[in-house]
Amino acid sequence: MSNSPAVWIVDDDDDDQFLLGLAFRNLNPPVYVKQLYDGEELLAQLEACASLPKLVLLDLNMARKNGFDTLVEIRRLPQYTNLPVIVLTSSTLESDKTLSYSLGANGFLTKPLSDEETVSMLKLLALEWL
């Protein structure tokens, strides 16, 4: 397994970061994660990294740069055209889902309410994207 993270989690909620990171690390095989706290940090890290992540999980509601603005910037840059970005948010609004896809998201998932549902969802994501 590579030393570089396979999944970058972009979410400003510490509890969500902890749960998602723990769930990925507990998969078999474990998935390495990099935790980032907003779109500005994501864009800076993408620019500086030697190899792109296999998957980015992007929250919509973050303080400095939200997920929508971040998606616009990512998809504007040709080097990130094929970077898989899944919106993972607490939003259940159809308008947020539609806008996310129109801005170039590869998927839209609402954060599960239980730890068990989170683990199940991440297993499926790992199977599909990693």
Protein backbone atom coordinates (compact mmCIF):
# COMPACT_ATOMS: atom_id res chain seq x y z
CA MET A 1 0.00 0.00 0.00
CA SER A 2 1.26 3.45 -0.87
CA ASN A 3 2.29 6.00 1.75
CA SER A 4 0.27 8.70 0.02
CA PRO A 5 -3.38 9.09 1.03
CA ALA A 6 -5.90 7.46 -1.26
CA VAL A 7 -8.82 9.54 0.03
CA TRP A 8 -8.82 13.21 0.92
CA ILE A 9 -11.64 14.20 3.27
CA VAL A 10 -12.53 17.91 3.11
CA ASP A 11 -14.84 18.80 5.98
CA ASP A 12 -14.61 21.43 8.72
CA ASP A 13 -16.46 19.31 11.29
CA ASP A 14 -14.00 17.55 13.61
CA ASP A 15 -16.49 14.84 14.54
CA ASP A 16 -17.18 13.97 10.91
CA GLN A 17 -13.45 14.00 10.15
CA PHE A 18 -12.79 11.63 13.04
CA LEU A 19 -15.59 9.21 12.15
CA LEU A 20 -14.82 9.12 8.42
CA GLY A 21 -11.09 8.74 8.99
CA LEU A 22 -11.60 5.97 11.52
CA ALA A 23 -14.04 4.13 9.27
CA PHE A 24 -11.65 4.23 6.29
CA ARG A 25 -8.71 3.09 8.42
CA ASN A 26 -10.79 0.17 9.72
CA LEU A 27 -11.65 -1.14 6.26
CA ASN A 28 -9.84 -4.25 5.11
CA PRO A 29 -7.44 -3.35 3.66
CA PRO A 30 -7.18 0.01 5.46
CA VAL A 31 -7.50 3.13 3.35
CA TYR A 32 -5.12 5.99 3.99
CA VAL A 33 -6.80 9.35 4.41
CA LYS A 34 -5.69 12.95 4.38
CA GLN A 35 -7.86 15.32 6.36
CA LEU A 36 -8.42 18.87 5.14
CA TYR A 37 -10.75 21.46 6.59
CA ASP A 38 -11.93 23.65 3.69
CA GLY A 39 -11.72 24.26 -0.03
CA GLU A 40 -8.78 26.64 0.21
CA GLU A 41 -6.72 24.00 1.99
CA LEU A 42 -7.74 21.39 -0.60
CA LEU A 43 -6.74 23.56 -3.54
CA ALA A 44 -3.37 24.40 -1.97
CA GLN A 45 -2.67 20.73 -1.21
CA LEU A 46 -3.65 19.65 -4.74
CA GLU A 47 -1.23 22.18 -6.17
CA ALA A 48 1.59 20.96 -3.92
CA CYS A 49 1.08 17.19 -4.13
CA ALA A 50 3.23 14.83 -6.18
CA SER A 51 0.32 12.51 -7.00
CA LEU A 52 -3.40 13.14 -6.87
CA PRO A 53 -5.68 11.30 -4.46
CA LYS A 54 -7.85 8.53 -5.80
CA LEU A 55 -10.93 10.17 -4.30
CA VAL A 56 -11.95 13.47 -2.70
CA LEU A 57 -14.90 13.59 -0.30
CA LEU A 58 -16.11 17.18 -0.21
CA ASP A 59 -18.51 18.74 2.28
CA LEU A 60 -20.67 21.60 1.01
CA ASN A 61 -20.95 23.72 4.14
CA MET A 62 -17.53 24.98 5.20
CA ALA A 63 -16.54 28.37 6.55
CA ARG A 64 -13.71 29.69 4.36
CA LYS A 65 -14.48 28.12 0.97
CA ASN A 66 -17.59 26.02 0.60
CA GLY A 67 -17.94 22.90 -1.51
CA PHE A 68 -19.73 24.58 -4.41
CA ASP A 69 -17.01 27.21 -4.86
CA THR A 70 -14.35 24.54 -4.50
CA LEU A 71 -15.96 22.36 -7.17
CA VAL A 72 -16.04 25.32 -9.57
CA GLU A 73 -12.32 25.93 -9.07
CA ILE A 74 -11.33 22.27 -9.32
CA ARG A 75 -13.26 21.70 -12.54
CA ARG A 76 -11.90 24.91 -14.04
CA LEU A 77 -8.36 23.47 -13.97
CA PRO A 78 -7.57 20.85 -16.65
CA GLN A 79 -5.16 18.88 -14.43
CA TYR A 80 -8.09 17.98 -12.15
CA THR A 81 -10.63 17.08 -14.82
CA ASN A 82 -10.47 13.38 -13.98
CA LEU A 83 -10.13 13.78 -10.21
CA PRO A 84 -13.09 11.96 -8.61
CA VAL A 85 -14.98 14.27 -6.24
CA ILE A 86 -17.91 12.98 -4.22
CA VAL A 87 -19.98 15.53 -2.32
CA LEU A 88 -20.61 14.17 1.18
CA THR A 89 -22.91 16.51 3.04
CA SER A 90 -25.66 16.73 5.61
CA SER A 91 -27.87 18.39 2.99
CA THR A 92 -30.86 16.48 1.69
CA LEU A 93 -31.92 19.24 -0.71
CA GLU A 94 -32.49 18.15 -4.28
CA SER A 95 -31.27 21.60 -5.41
CA ASP A 96 -27.88 20.99 -3.70
CA LYS A 97 -27.62 17.62 -5.42
CA THR A 98 -28.51 19.07 -8.82
CA LEU A 99 -26.07 21.97 -8.43
CA SER A 100 -23.28 19.64 -7.26
CA TYR A 101 -23.64 17.46 -10.35
CA SER A 102 -23.88 20.48 -12.64
CA LEU A 103 -20.60 21.79 -11.19
CA GLY A 104 -18.83 18.50 -11.89
CA ALA A 105 -19.28 16.28 -8.84
CA ASN A 106 -18.96 12.57 -9.55
CA GLY A 107 -21.44 11.73 -6.82
CA PHE A 108 -23.63 13.17 -4.08
CA LEU A 109 -24.17 11.43 -0.76
CA THR A 110 -25.96 12.54 2.38
CA LYS A 111 -24.02 11.81 5.56
CA PRO A 112 -25.50 8.77 7.30
CA LEU A 113 -27.01 9.14 10.76
CA SER A 114 -25.34 6.09 12.31
CA ASP A 115 -21.79 4.80 12.55
CA GLU A 116 -22.86 1.49 10.97
CA GLU A 117 -24.39 3.25 7.96
CA THR A 118 -21.22 5.34 7.59
CA VAL A 119 -19.02 2.23 7.53
CA SER A 120 -21.29 0.55 4.98
CA MET A 121 -21.28 3.64 2.76
CA LEU A 122 -17.48 3.94 2.90
CA LYS A 123 -17.04 0.26 2.04
CA LEU A 124 -19.10 0.82 -1.09
CA LEU A 125 -17.13 3.96 -1.97
CA ALA A 126 -13.86 2.08 -1.53
CA LEU A 127 -15.05 -0.75 -3.77
CA GLU A 128 -16.16 1.66 -6.49
CA TRP A 129 -13.35 4.24 -6.45
CA LEU A 130 -10.21 2.76 -4.86
